[in-house]
């Protein structure tokens, strides 16, 4: 079957792209918040679920930090890309079963 494999490989590709992009922008965003001493309650690392929720919900915009937006916005997009990749990969596995 061609389609299940295509869906699975596309999902894995999107997941990989999101993960590698987040590896660049996620830690930079968290470090920027640390430097501004605004990371309280965000889990202590860029891979903490609290920090992911902070990015995904867009709460970084309330800080009104013009230097944070160019870092946090791509990190947010990459987290959503990872979520889409996870769903696509799971769907591909489901189609192959």
C-alpha atoms as a PDB file:
ATOM      1  CA  UNK A   1       0.000   0.000   0.000  1.00  0.00           C
ATOM      2  CA  UNK A   2       1.399   3.349  -1.063  1.00  0.00           C
ATOM      3  CA  UNK A   3      -0.801   5.872   0.801  1.00  0.00           C
ATOM      4  CA  UNK A   4      -0.259   4.669   4.383  1.00  0.00           C
ATOM      5  CA  UNK A   5       3.498   4.782   3.881  1.00  0.00           C
ATOM      6  CA  UNK A   6       3.298   8.239   2.337  1.00  0.00           C
ATOM      7  CA  UNK A   7       1.199   9.567   5.233  1.00  0.00           C
ATOM      8  CA  UNK A   8       3.560   7.990   7.766  1.00  0.00           C
ATOM      9  CA  UNK A   9       6.709   9.359   6.131  1.00  0.00           C
ATOM     10  CA  UNK A  10       5.181  12.820   5.683  1.00  0.00           C
ATOM     11  CA  UNK A  11       4.138  12.860   9.332  1.00  0.00           C
ATOM     12  CA  UNK A  12       7.629  11.845  10.404  1.00  0.00           C
ATOM     13  CA  UNK A  13       9.143  14.529   8.177  1.00  0.00           C
ATOM     14  CA  UNK A  14       6.905  17.242   9.606  1.00  0.00           C
ATOM     15  CA  UNK A  15       7.629  16.030  13.146  1.00  0.00           C
ATOM     16  CA  UNK A  16      11.371  16.101  12.492  1.00  0.00           C
ATOM     17  CA  UNK A  17      11.211  19.578  10.964  1.00  0.00           C
ATOM     18  CA  UNK A  18       9.256  20.892  13.939  1.00  0.00           C
ATOM     19  CA  UNK A  19      11.596  19.278  16.441  1.00  0.00           C
ATOM     20  CA  UNK A  20      14.776  20.565  14.830  1.00  0.00           C
ATOM     21  CA  UNK A  21      13.302  24.053  14.489  1.00  0.00           C
ATOM     22  CA  UNK A  22      12.269  24.024  18.134  1.00  0.00           C
ATOM     23  CA  UNK A  23      15.785  22.939  19.129  1.00  0.00           C
ATOM     24  CA  UNK A  24      16.953  26.249  17.703  1.00  0.00           C
ATOM     25  CA  UNK A  25      14.272  28.693  18.859  1.00  0.00           C
ATOM     26  CA  UNK A  26      12.970  27.103  22.081  1.00  0.00           C
ATOM     27  CA  UNK A  27      16.158  27.353  24.147  1.00  0.00           C
ATOM     28  CA  UNK A  28      16.865  30.830  22.751  1.00  0.00           C
ATOM     29  CA  UNK A  29      13.429  32.010  23.867  1.00  0.00           C
ATOM     30  CA  UNK A  30      13.823  30.491  27.304  1.00  0.00           C
ATOM     31  CA  UNK A  31      17.291  31.965  27.716  1.00  0.00           C
ATOM     32  CA  UNK A  32      15.975  35.388  26.750  1.00  0.00           C
ATOM     33  CA  UNK A  33      13.317  35.080  29.456  1.00  0.00           C
ATOM     34  CA  UNK A  34      15.998  34.020  31.952  1.00  0.00           C
ATOM     35  CA  UNK A  35      18.086  37.060  31.102  1.00  0.00           C
ATOM     36  CA  UNK A  36      15.056  39.285  31.668  1.00  0.00           C
ATOM     37  CA  UNK A  37      14.264  37.367  34.881  1.00  0.00           C
ATOM     38  CA  UNK A  38      10.760  36.606  33.587  1.00  0.00           C
ATOM     39  CA  UNK A  39      10.926  32.790  33.514  1.00  0.00           C
ATOM     40  CA  UNK A  40       9.392  32.224  36.964  1.00  0.00           C
ATOM     41  CA  UNK A  41       6.843  29.427  36.885  1.00  0.00           C
ATOM     42  CA  UNK A  42       7.853  28.150  33.453  1.00  0.00           C
ATOM     43  CA  UNK A  43       9.402  24.890  34.572  1.00  0.00           C
ATOM     44  CA  UNK A  44      13.097  25.735  34.616  1.00  0.00           C
ATOM     45  CA  UNK A  45      13.907  24.443  31.108  1.00  0.00           C
ATOM     46  CA  UNK A  46      12.840  25.010  27.525  1.00  0.00           C
ATOM     47  CA  UNK A  47      11.500  21.441  27.381  1.00  0.00           C
ATOM     48  CA  UNK A  48       9.178  21.748  30.389  1.00  0.00           C
ATOM     49  CA  UNK A  49       5.454  21.351  29.714  1.00  0.00           C
ATOM     50  CA  UNK A  50       4.790  24.654  31.491  1.00  0.00           C
ATOM     51  CA  UNK A  51       7.050  26.493  29.040  1.00  0.00           C
ATOM     52  CA  UNK A  52       5.410  24.734  26.086  1.00  0.00           C
ATOM     53  CA  UNK A  53       1.989  25.811  27.360  1.00  0.00           C
ATOM     54  CA  UNK A  54       3.344  29.356  27.766  1.00  0.00           C
ATOM     55  CA  UNK A  55       4.473  29.394  24.126  1.00  0.00           C
ATOM     56  CA  UNK A  56       1.500  27.585  22.609  1.00  0.00           C
ATOM     57  CA  UNK A  57      -0.984  29.895  24.287  1.00  0.00           C
ATOM     58  CA  UNK A  58       0.934  32.998  23.173  1.00  0.00           C
ATOM     59  CA  UNK A  59       1.250  34.404  26.678  1.00  0.00           C
ATOM     60  CA  UNK A  60       4.704  35.754  25.787  1.00  0.00           C
ATOM     61  CA  UNK A  61       2.957  38.577  23.920  1.00  0.00           C
ATOM     62  CA  UNK A  62       1.632  39.994  27.195  1.00  0.00           C
ATOM     63  CA  UNK A  63       5.223  40.727  28.262  1.00  0.00           C
ATOM     64  CA  UNK A  64       5.459  43.417  25.542  1.00  0.00           C
ATOM     65  CA  UNK A  65       9.096  42.468  24.891  1.00  0.00           C
ATOM     66  CA  UNK A  66       9.928  43.362  21.288  1.00  0.00           C
ATOM     67  CA  UNK A  67      13.115  41.290  21.401  1.00  0.00           C
ATOM     68  CA  UNK A  68      11.258  38.168  22.588  1.00  0.00           C
ATOM     69  CA  UNK A  69       8.666  38.091  19.804  1.00  0.00           C
ATOM     70  CA  UNK A  70      11.125  37.175  16.992  1.00  0.00           C
ATOM     71  CA  UNK A  71      12.359  34.244  19.109  1.00  0.00           C
ATOM     72  CA  UNK A  72       9.133  33.002  20.651  1.00  0.00           C
ATOM     73  CA  UNK A  73       6.957  33.175  17.540  1.00  0.00           C
ATOM     74  CA  UNK A  74       9.055  30.666  15.543  1.00  0.00           C
ATOM     75  CA  UNK A  75       9.294  28.459  18.646  1.00  0.00           C
ATOM     76  CA  UNK A  76       5.502  28.522  18.878  1.00  0.00           C
ATOM     77  CA  UNK A  77       5.150  27.650  15.189  1.00  0.00           C
ATOM     78  CA  UNK A  78       7.610  24.785  15.591  1.00  0.00           C
ATOM     79  CA  UNK A  79       5.672  23.394  18.569  1.00  0.00           C
ATOM     80  CA  UNK A  80       2.483  23.414  16.510  1.00  0.00           C
ATOM     81  CA  UNK A  81       4.416  21.796  13.655  1.00  0.00           C
ATOM     82  CA  UNK A  82       5.533  19.056  16.037  1.00  0.00           C
ATOM     83  CA  UNK A  83       1.918  18.532  17.127  1.00  0.00           C
ATOM     84  CA  UNK A  84       0.771  18.212  13.505  1.00  0.00           C
ATOM     85  CA  UNK A  85       3.642  15.792  12.835  1.00  0.00           C
ATOM     86  CA  UNK A  86       2.689  13.649  15.813  1.00  0.00           C
ATOM     87  CA  UNK A  87      -0.924  13.472  14.623  1.00  0.00           C
ATOM     88  CA  UNK A  88       0.179  12.675  11.069  1.00  0.00           C
ATOM     89  CA  UNK A  89       2.572   9.983  12.228  1.00  0.00           C
ATOM     90  CA  UNK A  90      -0.081   8.413  14.440  1.00  0.00           C
ATOM     91  CA  UNK A  91      -2.550   8.483  11.547  1.00  0.00           C
ATOM     92  CA  UNK A  92       0.025   6.857   9.269  1.00  0.00           C
ATOM     93  CA  UNK A  93       0.614   4.093  11.798  1.00  0.00           C
ATOM     94  CA  UNK A  94      -3.146   3.640  12.123  1.00  0.00           C
ATOM     95  CA  UNK A  95      -3.502   3.331   8.331  1.00  0.00           C
ATOM     96  CA  UNK A  96      -0.763   0.712   8.197  1.00  0.00           C
ATOM     97  CA  UNK A  97      -2.348  -1.430  10.913  1.00  0.00           C
END
